């Protein structure tokens, strides 16, 4: 699963390493359309993790692939360099809610790419 796929470049790399089994989503319909033209074999969808229905929408997309949240081994989150830290943290909190709903299931690895988190890390005692 890739959240924040934009035009699909990272999604295509992930698909190559995962036998094409990647669901890539972005809130921008324009970006998803560009990605679909560029990488027609990818499963791409317009989905906004800030939406109140995002978990149901994600479930529908996974169902369409014959999958479910419990089959997601890794989740890549790329909310863009311009995303506010509060948006990044809200999205990560929402992912935690999904994981808690699937109690007893393995927790997917989580990889987050965020300029806001990087700045926070660099300015913290941990990062610097």
Foldseek 3Di string as FASTA:
>chain_A
DEEACQQPPVVVVVCVVVVQPDEYEYQDPVRQVNNCVVPVSHHYDHADLVDPCRQVVVQVSQVVVVHGPLPAQEYEYEPDAPDAPVSVVSSVVVLVVVVVVVPPGDDHHYHYDYNNVVVVLCPDPNND
